[in-house]
Amino acid sequence: MLKLEGISKKFNDRQVLSDLNLTIELATVYGLLGPNGAGKTTAINIICNLLKPDRGLVLFNDRPITNQTKALIGVAPQQNLLYQTLTCGENLRFFGKIYGISGKKLSQRVEECLELVGLTDRVNSPAETLSGGMQRRLSMAIALIHQPKLIILDEPTTGLDLEARYQMWEVIRHLQRSGTTILITTHLLDEVERLCHKIGILQQGKLVAEGTLAQLRQRIQAKEIITIQSPQEQAVIDRGKSLGLVSRHYGEATSFWIPELLDLKQILEYFDGIAIDGISRHPVSLEHIYLEVMGYI
């Protein structure tokens, strides 16, 4: 279990983290969200013991994070920190030796990590010859070489094509099922919906929302969200208001929170007499929740 207790950090006069408390259970995937500048990177650096908090404590398995406990943590940063002229195998051996792994154990770990990320056939390929997705998977393998108990993935699939994203997701699911605790920071909300057991949202250094997706959905009092496309937008808004519906703009068209599931006929009856170009129906998603929590709408 990873616990952050009352973590605060200030740079000059700027408060980057303010009394941050969060708990990540063992063998779960936790998604940490927030805009650029919210404090995610600072929190990661403190967890990795690269930065000291002004106040607060970081515990992993009830032990304070120190230089001695760093081996419990693996990090795949947003930028691939690879030695481009070294092969995949050479990159892994280099980082494995940093963690004190050698001999047959190191050779075994190189094979296991390359197999896990699907790069066994590229063991002798220089990193510079790999695609972006392959380089991302090699970075993941490097983070795993010393068998850490906690993996931190910073934007693990940003910039990858759909096939590469799915491959990375499968690696993450395999690690979680194998007992690894995983912390993900990302701007890709669909990724968090698919992978994460618990979600935290940071805003200006404070944890403004936290919970499972089901728990966070309770912040929006709706069974579904409908979007109405109409040349009579104000008439649509006024009708929705008269019906007591909460309206929002997710993009250009007007959307409404619908407290109970309705069939299409009932929805059309709500807006009878108004020209309707189109109606779309959506489940309450993490995107809706995030926009609501952050006050962007």
C-alpha atoms as a PDB file:
ATOM      1  CA  MET A   1       0.000   0.000   0.000  1.00  0.00           C
ATOM      2  CA  LEU A   2       1.210   3.482  -0.925  1.00  0.00           C
ATOM      3  CA  LYS A   3       0.099   6.306   1.360  1.00  0.00           C
ATOM      4  CA  LEU A   4       0.668  10.026   1.052  1.00  0.00           C
ATOM      5  CA  GLU A   5      -0.135  11.764   4.299  1.00  0.00           C
ATOM      6  CA  GLY A   6      -0.450  15.550   4.407  1.00  0.00           C
ATOM      7  CA  ILE A   7       2.055  16.176   1.608  1.00  0.00           C
ATOM      8  CA  SER A   8       2.720  19.870   0.960  1.00  0.00           C
ATOM      9  CA  LYS A   9       5.338  21.454  -1.277  1.00  0.00           C
ATOM     10  CA  LYS A  10       6.065  25.053  -2.186  1.00  0.00           C
ATOM     11  CA  PHE A  11       8.480  26.445  -4.765  1.00  0.00           C
ATOM     12  CA  ASN A  12       9.327  30.033  -3.882  1.00  0.00           C
ATOM     13  CA  ASP A  13       5.894  31.606  -3.339  1.00  0.00           C
ATOM     14  CA  ARG A  14       3.968  29.023  -5.342  1.00  0.00           C
ATOM     15  CA  GLN A  15       2.131  26.308  -3.418  1.00  0.00           C
ATOM     16  CA  VAL A  16       2.404  23.262  -5.684  1.00  0.00           C
ATOM     17  CA  LEU A  17       0.933  20.632  -3.342  1.00  0.00           C
ATOM     18  CA  SER A  18      -1.322  21.390  -0.413  1.00  0.00           C
ATOM     19  CA  ASP A  19      -2.063  18.757   2.270  1.00  0.00           C
ATOM     20  CA  LEU A  20      -2.269  15.928  -0.256  1.00  0.00           C
ATOM     21  CA  ASN A  21      -3.632  12.672   1.152  1.00  0.00           C
ATOM     22  CA  LEU A  22      -4.175   9.578  -0.949  1.00  0.00           C
ATOM     23  CA  THR A  23      -3.979   5.826  -0.561  1.00  0.00           C
ATOM     24  CA  ILE A  24      -3.266   3.284  -3.287  1.00  0.00           C
ATOM     25  CA  GLU A  25      -4.099  -0.290  -2.341  1.00  0.00           C
ATOM     26  CA  LEU A  26      -1.769  -3.146  -3.231  1.00  0.00           C
ATOM     27  CA  ALA A  27      -2.220  -4.761  -6.656  1.00  0.00           C
ATOM     28  CA  THR A  28      -4.530  -2.021  -7.933  1.00  0.00           C
ATOM     29  CA  VAL A  29      -4.257   0.610 -10.658  1.00  0.00           C
ATOM     30  CA  TYR A  30      -4.697   4.229  -9.522  1.00  0.00           C
ATOM     31  CA  GLY A  31      -5.230   7.037 -12.020  1.00  0.00           C
ATOM     32  CA  LEU A  32      -4.012  10.501 -11.030  1.00  0.00           C
ATOM     33  CA  LEU A  33      -5.577  13.208 -13.191  1.00  0.00           C
ATOM     34  CA  GLY A  34      -5.245  16.950 -13.437  1.00  0.00           C
ATOM     35  CA  PRO A  35      -4.260  19.714 -15.842  1.00  0.00           C
ATOM     36  CA  ASN A  36      -0.658  20.713 -16.477  1.00  0.00           C
ATOM     37  CA  GLY A  37       0.638  22.464 -13.374  1.00  0.00           C
ATOM     38  CA  ALA A  38      -1.753  20.672 -11.002  1.00  0.00           C
ATOM     39  CA  GLY A  39       1.143  19.041  -9.109  1.00  0.00           C
ATOM     40  CA  LYS A  40       1.212  15.529 -10.583  1.00  0.00           C
ATOM     41  CA  THR A  41       4.920  15.549 -11.479  1.00  0.00           C
ATOM     42  CA  THR A  42       5.857  17.020  -8.107  1.00  0.00           C
ATOM     43  CA  ALA A  43       3.873  14.280  -6.360  1.00  0.00           C
ATOM     44  CA  ILE A  44       5.658  11.616  -8.419  1.00  0.00           C
ATOM     45  CA  ASN A  45       9.073  13.081  -7.635  1.00  0.00           C
ATOM     46  CA  ILE A  46       8.237  13.046  -3.926  1.00  0.00           C
ATOM     47  CA  ILE A  47       7.033   9.427  -4.105  1.00  0.00           C
ATOM     48  CA  CYS A  48      10.316   8.495  -5.825  1.00  0.00           C
ATOM     49  CA  ASN A  49      12.302  10.318  -3.132  1.00  0.00           C
ATOM     50  CA  LEU A  50      13.740  12.671  -5.742  1.00  0.00           C
ATOM     51  CA  LEU A  51      12.191  15.633  -3.960  1.00  0.00           C
ATOM     52  CA  LYS A  52      11.551  16.282  -0.281  1.00  0.00           C
ATOM     53  CA  PRO A  53       8.134  17.571   0.786  1.00  0.00           C
ATOM     54  CA  ASP A  54       7.916  20.606   3.039  1.00  0.00           C
ATOM     55  CA  ARG A  55       5.482  18.665   5.185  1.00  0.00           C
ATOM     56  CA  GLY A  56       3.994  15.196   5.196  1.00  0.00           C
ATOM     57  CA  LEU A  57       5.041  11.587   4.847  1.00  0.00           C
ATOM     58  CA  VAL A  58       5.166   8.985   2.075  1.00  0.00           C
ATOM     59  CA  LEU A  59       4.808   5.337   3.105  1.00  0.00           C
ATOM     60  CA  PHE A  60       5.014   2.173   1.013  1.00  0.00           C
ATOM     61  CA  ASN A  61       3.999  -1.008   2.809  1.00  0.00           C
ATOM     62  CA  ASP A  62       4.120   1.035   6.043  1.00  0.00           C
ATOM     63  CA  ARG A  63       7.759   1.990   5.477  1.00  0.00           C
ATOM     64  CA  PRO A  64       8.907   5.554   4.743  1.00  0.00           C
ATOM     65  CA  ILE A  65      10.291   6.036   1.251  1.00  0.00           C
ATOM     66  CA  THR A  66      14.076   6.407   1.530  1.00  0.00           C
ATOM     67  CA  ASN A  67      17.109   5.750  -0.670  1.00  0.00           C
ATOM     68  CA  GLN A  68      17.041   2.186   0.667  1.00  0.00           C
ATOM     69  CA  THR A  69      13.453   1.609  -0.478  1.00  0.00           C
ATOM     70  CA  LYS A  70      13.885   3.071  -3.985  1.00  0.00           C
ATOM     71  CA  ALA A  71      14.354  -0.437  -5.380  1.00  0.00           C
ATOM     72  CA  LEU A  72      10.679  -1.075  -4.606  1.00  0.00           C
ATOM     73  CA  ILE A  73       9.683   1.486  -7.239  1.00  0.00           C
ATOM     74  CA  GLY A  74       9.934   1.414 -11.034  1.00  0.00           C
ATOM     75  CA  VAL A  75       9.275   4.483 -13.179  1.00  0.00           C
ATOM     76  CA  ALA A  76       8.512   4.827 -16.869  1.00  0.00           C
ATOM     77  CA  PRO A  77       8.704   8.604 -17.470  1.00  0.00           C
ATOM     78  CA  GLN A  78       6.805  10.407 -20.196  1.00  0.00           C
ATOM     79  CA  GLN A  79       9.978  10.874 -22.243  1.00  0.00           C
ATOM     80  CA  ASN A  80      11.698   7.632 -23.238  1.00  0.00           C
ATOM     81  CA  LEU A  81      15.085   7.766 -21.498  1.00  0.00           C
ATOM     82  CA  LEU A  82      16.829   5.198 -23.656  1.00  0.00           C
ATOM     83  CA  TYR A  83      20.371   4.873 -24.894  1.00  0.00           C
ATOM     84  CA  GLN A  84      19.512   5.047 -28.566  1.00  0.00           C
ATOM     85  CA  THR A  85      22.621   3.323 -29.931  1.00  0.00           C
ATOM     86  CA  LEU A  86      22.360   0.413 -27.498  1.00  0.00           C
ATOM     87  CA  THR A  87      20.207  -2.594 -28.345  1.00  0.00           C
ATOM     88  CA  CYS A  88      17.100  -3.470 -26.365  1.00  0.00           C
ATOM     89  CA  GLY A  89      19.011  -6.160 -24.535  1.00  0.00           C
ATOM     90  CA  GLU A  90      21.937  -3.826 -23.787  1.00  0.00           C
ATOM     91  CA  ASN A  91      19.610  -1.136 -22.427  1.00  0.00           C
ATOM     92  CA  LEU A  92      18.015  -3.635 -20.066  1.00  0.00           C
ATOM     93  CA  ARG A  93      21.349  -5.075 -18.935  1.00  0.00           C
ATOM     94  CA  PHE A  94      22.701  -1.585 -18.250  1.00  0.00           C
ATOM     95  CA  PHE A  95      19.772  -0.602 -16.037  1.00  0.00           C
ATOM     96  CA  GLY A  96      19.670  -4.043 -14.426  1.00  0.00           C
ATOM     97  CA  LYS A  97      23.294  -3.661 -13.316  1.00  0.00           C
ATOM     98  CA  ILE A  98      22.431  -0.288 -11.761  1.00  0.00           C
ATOM     99  CA  TYR A  99      20.015  -2.206  -9.512  1.00  0.00           C
ATOM    100  CA  GLY A 100      22.680  -4.754  -8.652  1.00  0.00           C
ATOM    101  CA  ILE A 101      21.409  -7.573 -10.857  1.00  0.00           C
ATOM    102  CA  SER A 102      24.047  -9.677 -12.607  1.00  0.00           C
ATOM    103  CA  GLY A 103      24.880 -13.052 -14.115  1.00  0.00           C
ATOM    104  CA  LYS A 104      22.169 -15.586 -14.910  1.00  0.00           C
ATOM    105  CA  LYS A 105      19.593 -13.607 -12.938  1.00  0.00           C
ATOM    106  CA  LEU A 106      20.121 -10.569 -15.160  1.00  0.00           C
ATOM    107  CA  SER A 107      19.919 -12.634 -18.363  1.00  0.00           C
ATOM    108  CA  GLN A 108      16.706 -14.206 -17.107  1.00  0.00           C
ATOM    109  CA  ARG A 109      15.163 -10.827 -16.253  1.00  0.00           C
ATOM    110  CA  VAL A 110      16.095  -9.406 -19.665  1.00  0.00           C
ATOM    111  CA  GLU A 111      14.315 -12.303 -21.379  1.00  0.00           C
ATOM    112  CA  GLU A 112      11.264 -12.061 -19.094  1.00  0.00           C
ATOM    113  CA  CYS A 113      10.852  -8.317 -19.499  1.00  0.00           C
ATOM    114  CA  LEU A 114      11.251  -8.392 -23.275  1.00  0.00           C
ATOM    115  CA  GLU A 115       8.706 -11.212 -23.492  1.00  0.00           C
ATOM    116  CA  LEU A 116       6.243  -9.320 -21.300  1.00  0.00           C
ATOM    117  CA  VAL A 117       6.306  -6.227 -23.527  1.00  0.00           C
ATOM    118  CA  GLY A 118       6.408  -8.200 -26.783  1.00  0.00           C
ATOM    119  CA  LEU A 119       9.948  -7.284 -27.847  1.00  0.00           C
ATOM    120  CA  THR A 120      11.679 -10.671 -27.674  1.00  0.00           C
ATOM    121  CA  ASP A 121      12.489 -10.586 -31.378  1.00  0.00           C
ATOM    122  CA  ARG A 122      14.059  -7.122 -31.036  1.00  0.00           C
ATOM    123  CA  VAL A 123      16.615  -8.023 -28.360  1.00  0.00           C
ATOM    124  CA  ASN A 124      19.499  -7.162 -30.714  1.00  0.00           C
ATOM    125  CA  SER A 125      17.855  -4.125 -32.327  1.00  0.00           C
ATOM    126  CA  PRO A 126      19.239  -0.682 -31.406  1.00  0.00           C
ATOM    127  CA  ALA A 127      16.665   1.463 -29.628  1.00  0.00           C
ATOM    128  CA  GLU A 128      16.911   4.087 -32.361  1.00  0.00           C
ATOM    129  CA  THR A 129      15.488   1.603 -34.890  1.00  0.00           C
ATOM    130  CA  LEU A 130      12.300   1.012 -32.896  1.00  0.00           C
ATOM    131  CA  SER A 131       8.967   2.665 -33.546  1.00  0.00           C
ATOM    132  CA  GLY A 132       7.563   5.066 -30.955  1.00  0.00           C
ATOM    133  CA  GLY A 133       5.300   2.372 -29.570  1.00  0.00           C
ATOM    134  CA  MET A 134       8.156  -0.103 -29.278  1.00  0.00           C
ATOM    135  CA  GLN A 135      10.346   2.463 -27.527  1.00  0.00           C
ATOM    136  CA  ARG A 136       7.512   3.063 -25.065  1.00  0.00           C
ATOM    137  CA  ARG A 137       7.320  -0.678 -24.378  1.00  0.00           C
ATOM    138  CA  LEU A 138      11.096  -0.843 -23.919  1.00  0.00           C
ATOM    139  CA  SER A 139      10.854   1.958 -21.351  1.00  0.00           C
ATOM    140  CA  MET A 140       8.236  -0.123 -19.550  1.00  0.00           C
ATOM    141  CA  ALA A 141      10.557  -3.156 -19.606  1.00  0.00           C
ATOM    142  CA  ILE A 142      13.359  -1.065 -18.093  1.00  0.00           C
ATOM    143  CA  ALA A 143      11.024   0.070 -15.293  1.00  0.00           C
ATOM    144  CA  LEU A 144      10.306  -3.608 -14.551  1.00  0.00           C
ATOM    145  CA  ILE A 145      13.830  -5.033 -14.747  1.00  0.00           C
ATOM    146  CA  HIS A 146      14.340  -5.057 -10.950  1.00  0.00           C
ATOM    147  CA  GLN A 147      10.862  -6.493 -10.174  1.00  0.00           C
ATOM    148  CA  PRO A 148       9.535  -3.442  -8.312  1.00  0.00           C
ATOM    149  CA  LYS A 149       6.388  -3.624  -6.187  1.00  0.00           C
ATOM    150  CA  LEU A 150       5.169  -0.204  -7.349  1.00  0.00           C
ATOM    151  CA  ILE A 151       5.236   1.001 -10.967  1.00  0.00           C
ATOM    152  CA  ILE A 152       4.708   4.670 -11.860  1.00  0.00           C
ATOM    153  CA  LEU A 153       3.678   5.283 -15.465  1.00  0.00           C
ATOM    154  CA  ASP A 154       3.704   8.910 -16.608  1.00  0.00           C
ATOM    155  CA  GLU A 155       1.532   9.289 -19.734  1.00  0.00           C
ATOM    156  CA  PRO A 156       2.173   5.659 -20.747  1.00  0.00           C
ATOM    157  CA  THR A 157       0.358   5.739 -24.100  1.00  0.00           C
ATOM    158  CA  THR A 158       0.451   9.387 -25.198  1.00  0.00           C
ATOM    159  CA  GLY A 159       1.352   9.565 -28.877  1.00  0.00           C
ATOM    160  CA  LEU A 160       0.838   5.860 -29.538  1.00  0.00           C
ATOM    161  CA  ASP A 161      -1.419   4.463 -32.228  1.00  0.00           C
ATOM    162  CA  LEU A 162      -4.470   2.426 -31.243  1.00  0.00           C
ATOM    163  CA  GLU A 163      -2.785  -0.954 -31.633  1.00  0.00           C
ATOM    164  CA  ALA A 164       0.184   0.109 -29.493  1.00  0.00           C
ATOM    165  CA  ARG A 165      -2.174   1.532 -26.829  1.00  0.00           C
ATOM    166  CA  TYR A 166      -4.034  -1.778 -26.607  1.00  0.00           C
ATOM    167  CA  GLN A 167      -0.738  -3.654 -26.260  1.00  0.00           C
ATOM    168  CA  MET A 168       0.344  -1.347 -23.447  1.00  0.00           C
ATOM    169  CA  TRP A 169      -3.006  -1.760 -21.690  1.00  0.00           C
ATOM    170  CA  GLU A 170      -2.594  -5.525 -21.748  1.00  0.00           C
ATOM    171  CA  VAL A 171       0.863  -5.220 -20.163  1.00  0.00           C
ATOM    172  CA  ILE A 172      -0.589  -3.015 -17.412  1.00  0.00           C
ATOM    173  CA  ARG A 173      -3.441  -5.460 -16.747  1.00  0.00           C
ATOM    174  CA  HIS A 174      -0.986  -8.367 -16.595  1.00  0.00           C
ATOM    175  CA  LEU A 175       1.185  -6.538 -14.071  1.00  0.00           C
ATOM    176  CA  GLN A 176      -1.811  -5.723 -11.877  1.00  0.00           C
ATOM    177  CA  ARG A 177      -3.050  -9.322 -11.971  1.00  0.00           C
ATOM    178  CA  SER A 178       0.463 -10.424 -10.999  1.00  0.00           C
ATOM    179  CA  GLY A 179       0.301  -8.329  -7.828  1.00  0.00           C
ATOM    180  CA  THR A 180       2.019  -5.104  -8.903  1.00  0.00           C
ATOM    181  CA  THR A 181       0.687  -1.762  -7.676  1.00  0.00           C
ATOM    182  CA  ILE A 182       0.450   0.802 -10.481  1.00  0.00           C
ATOM    183  CA  LEU A 183       0.125   4.597 -10.460  1.00  0.00           C
ATOM    184  CA  ILE A 184      -0.779   6.172 -13.812  1.00  0.00           C
ATOM    185  CA  THR A 185      -0.812   9.847 -14.710  1.00  0.00           C
ATOM    186  CA  THR A 186      -2.471  10.632 -18.017  1.00  0.00           C
ATOM    187  CA  HIS A 187      -4.679  13.072 -19.871  1.00  0.00           C
ATOM    188  CA  LEU A 188      -6.423  10.220 -21.703  1.00  0.00           C
ATOM    189  CA  LEU A 189      -9.615   9.761 -19.718  1.00  0.00           C
ATOM    190  CA  ASP A 190     -10.805   6.694 -21.626  1.00  0.00           C
ATOM    191  CA  GLU A 191      -7.573   4.994 -20.563  1.00  0.00           C
ATOM    192  CA  VAL A 192      -8.348   5.679 -16.913  1.00  0.00           C
ATOM    193  CA  GLU A 193     -11.916   4.386 -17.328  1.00  0.00           C
ATOM    194  CA  ARG A 194     -10.621   1.114 -18.772  1.00  0.00           C
ATOM    195  CA  LEU A 195      -7.705   0.476 -16.422  1.00  0.00           C
ATOM    196  CA  CYS A 196      -8.055   2.177 -13.062  1.00  0.00           C
ATOM    197  CA  HIS A 197      -9.697   0.841  -9.926  1.00  0.00           C
ATOM    198  CA  LYS A 198      -9.547   4.239  -8.229  1.00  0.00           C
ATOM    199  CA  ILE A 199      -9.172   7.777  -9.552  1.00  0.00           C
ATOM    200  CA  GLY A 200      -7.907  11.004  -7.998  1.00  0.00           C
ATOM    201  CA  ILE A 201      -8.267  14.463  -9.531  1.00  0.00           C
ATOM    202  CA  LEU A 202      -5.745  17.167  -8.659  1.00  0.00           C
ATOM    203  CA  GLN A 203      -6.417  20.866  -9.057  1.00  0.00           C
ATOM    204  CA  GLN A 204      -3.879  23.486  -7.980  1.00  0.00           C
ATOM    205  CA  GLY A 205      -2.128  21.010  -5.722  1.00  0.00           C
ATOM    206  CA  LYS A 206      -5.259  19.780  -3.956  1.00  0.00           C
ATOM    207  CA  LEU A 207      -7.110  16.494  -4.323  1.00  0.00           C
ATOM    208  CA  VAL A 208     -10.557  17.778  -5.281  1.00  0.00           C
ATOM    209  CA  ALA A 209     -12.167  14.412  -6.037  1.00  0.00           C
ATOM    210  CA  GLU A 210     -11.323  10.763  -5.436  1.00  0.00           C
ATOM    211  CA  GLY A 211     -13.034   7.412  -5.695  1.00  0.00           C
ATOM    212  CA  THR A 212     -13.975   4.594  -7.990  1.00  0.00           C
ATOM    213  CA  LEU A 213     -15.620   5.503 -11.281  1.00  0.00           C
ATOM    214  CA  ALA A 214     -18.980   4.469  -9.807  1.00  0.00           C
ATOM    215  CA  GLN A 215     -18.418   6.713  -6.792  1.00  0.00           C
ATOM    216  CA  LEU A 216     -17.379   9.672  -8.945  1.00  0.00           C
ATOM    217  CA  ARG A 217     -20.451   9.223 -11.141  1.00  0.00           C
ATOM    218  CA  GLN A 218     -22.562  10.157  -8.126  1.00  0.00           C
ATOM    219  CA  ARG A 219     -21.368  13.745  -8.587  1.00  0.00           C
ATOM    220  CA  ILE A 220     -23.581  13.926 -11.682  1.00  0.00           C
ATOM    221  CA  GLN A 221     -27.232  13.318 -10.886  1.00  0.00           C
ATOM    222  CA  ALA A 222     -28.085  11.632 -14.153  1.00  0.00           C
ATOM    223  CA  LYS A 223     -28.689   8.170 -15.556  1.00  0.00           C
ATOM    224  CA  GLU A 224     -27.574   9.360 -18.969  1.00  0.00           C
ATOM    225  CA  ILE A 225     -26.741  12.532 -20.869  1.00  0.00           C
ATOM    226  CA  ILE A 226     -28.540  13.520 -24.039  1.00  0.00           C
ATOM    227  CA  THR A 227     -27.253  16.019 -26.584  1.00  0.00           C
ATOM    228  CA  ILE A 228     -29.735  17.958 -28.704  1.00  0.00           C
ATOM    229  CA  GLN A 229     -28.706  19.461 -32.044  1.00  0.00           C
ATOM    230  CA  SER A 230     -31.145  22.133 -33.138  1.00  0.00           C
ATOM    231  CA  PRO A 231     -31.240  25.426 -35.060  1.00  0.00           C
ATOM    232  CA  GLN A 232     -33.423  26.673 -32.171  1.00  0.00           C
ATOM    233  CA  GLU A 233     -30.808  26.298 -29.440  1.00  0.00           C
ATOM    234  CA  GLN A 234     -32.306  28.839 -27.060  1.00  0.00           C
ATOM    235  CA  ALA A 235     -35.724  27.190 -27.356  1.00  0.00           C
ATOM    236  CA  VAL A 236     -34.081  23.856 -26.478  1.00  0.00           C
ATOM    237  CA  ILE A 237     -32.382  25.397 -23.432  1.00  0.00           C
ATOM    238  CA  ASP A 238     -35.602  27.058 -22.293  1.00  0.00           C
ATOM    239  CA  ARG A 239     -37.593  23.836 -22.690  1.00  0.00           C
ATOM    240  CA  GLY A 240     -35.019  21.881 -20.747  1.00  0.00           C
ATOM    241  CA  LYS A 241     -35.068  24.498 -17.999  1.00  0.00           C
ATOM    242  CA  SER A 242     -38.869  24.333 -17.799  1.00  0.00           C
ATOM    243  CA  LEU A 243     -38.562  20.562 -17.342  1.00  0.00           C
ATOM    244  CA  GLY A 244     -36.069  21.017 -14.509  1.00  0.00           C
ATOM    245  CA  LEU A 245     -33.201  19.493 -16.471  1.00  0.00           C
ATOM    246  CA  VAL A 246     -29.577  20.476 -15.826  1.00  0.00           C
ATOM    247  CA  SER A 247     -28.023  21.740 -19.057  1.00  0.00           C
ATOM    248  CA  ARG A 248     -24.365  21.716 -20.057  1.00  0.00           C
ATOM    249  CA  HIS A 249     -22.315  22.448 -23.170  1.00  0.00           C
ATOM    250  CA  TYR A 250     -19.896  19.609 -24.003  1.00  0.00           C
ATOM    251  CA  GLY A 251     -18.666  21.098 -27.257  1.00  0.00           C
ATOM    252  CA  GLU A 252     -21.069  23.034 -29.475  1.00  0.00           C
ATOM    253  CA  ALA A 253     -24.470  21.416 -28.842  1.00  0.00           C
ATOM    254  CA  THR A 254     -26.597  21.611 -25.699  1.00  0.00           C
ATOM    255  CA  SER A 255     -26.664  18.579 -23.420  1.00  0.00           C
ATOM    256  CA  PHE A 256     -28.968  17.665 -20.557  1.00  0.00           C
ATOM    257  CA  TRP A 257     -28.625  15.468 -17.512  1.00  0.00           C
ATOM    258  CA  ILE A 258     -31.490  12.967 -17.595  1.00  0.00           C
ATOM    259  CA  PRO A 259     -32.329  11.654 -14.103  1.00  0.00           C
ATOM    260  CA  GLU A 260     -34.112   8.526 -15.388  1.00  0.00           C
ATOM    261  CA  LEU A 261     -33.616   6.449 -18.525  1.00  0.00           C
ATOM    262  CA  LEU A 262     -36.122   7.402 -21.219  1.00  0.00           C
ATOM    263  CA  ASP A 263     -36.987   5.893 -24.566  1.00  0.00           C
ATOM    264  CA  LEU A 264     -36.531   7.993 -27.679  1.00  0.00           C
ATOM    265  CA  LYS A 265     -40.263   8.725 -27.941  1.00  0.00           C
ATOM    266  CA  GLN A 266     -40.283  10.275 -24.463  1.00  0.00           C
ATOM    267  CA  ILE A 267     -37.255  12.431 -25.283  1.00  0.00           C
ATOM    268  CA  LEU A 268     -38.909  13.696 -28.457  1.00  0.00           C
ATOM    269  CA  GLU A 269     -42.060  14.504 -26.494  1.00  0.00           C
ATOM    270  CA  TYR A 270     -39.957  16.631 -24.121  1.00  0.00           C
ATOM    271  CA  PHE A 271     -38.936  18.826 -27.054  1.00  0.00           C
ATOM    272  CA  ASP A 272     -42.132  18.648 -29.079  1.00  0.00           C
ATOM    273  CA  GLY A 273     -42.624  21.674 -31.331  1.00  0.00           C
ATOM    274  CA  ILE A 274     -38.897  22.458 -31.581  1.00  0.00           C
ATOM    275  CA  ALA A 275     -36.915  21.689 -34.732  1.00  0.00           C
ATOM    276  CA  ILE A 276     -34.484  18.883 -33.907  1.00  0.00           C
ATOM    277  CA  ASP A 277     -31.583  17.972 -36.220  1.00  0.00           C
ATOM    278  CA  GLY A 278     -30.234  15.181 -34.075  1.00  0.00           C
ATOM    279  CA  ILE A 279     -30.256  13.521 -30.671  1.00  0.00           C
ATOM    280  CA  SER A 280     -27.399  11.530 -29.197  1.00  0.00           C
ATOM    281  CA  ARG A 281     -27.369   9.626 -25.921  1.00  0.00           C
ATOM    282  CA  HIS A 282     -24.322   9.042 -23.740  1.00  0.00           C
ATOM    283  CA  PRO A 283     -23.599   7.260 -20.474  1.00  0.00           C
ATOM    284  CA  VAL A 284     -22.083   9.444 -17.764  1.00  0.00           C
ATOM    285  CA  SER A 285     -18.352   9.255 -18.520  1.00  0.00           C
ATOM    286  CA  LEU A 286     -15.198  10.291 -16.727  1.00  0.00           C
ATOM    287  CA  GLU A 287     -14.941  13.204 -19.144  1.00  0.00           C
ATOM    288  CA  HIS A 288     -18.280  14.591 -17.908  1.00  0.00           C
ATOM    289  CA  ILE A 289     -17.199  14.097 -14.294  1.00  0.00           C
ATOM    290  CA  TYR A 290     -13.790  15.682 -14.848  1.00  0.00           C
ATOM    291  CA  LEU A 291     -15.234  18.772 -16.520  1.00  0.00           C
ATOM    292  CA  GLU A 292     -17.754  19.140 -13.706  1.00  0.00           C
ATOM    293  CA  VAL A 293     -15.186  18.751 -10.926  1.00  0.00           C
ATOM    294  CA  MET A 294     -12.749  21.158 -12.568  1.00  0.00           C
ATOM    295  CA  GLY A 295     -15.458  23.758 -13.231  1.00  0.00           C
ATOM    296  CA  TYR A 296     -14.654  23.960 -16.942  1.00  0.00           C
ATOM    297  CA  ILE A 297     -18.311  24.155 -18.040  1.00  0.00           C
END
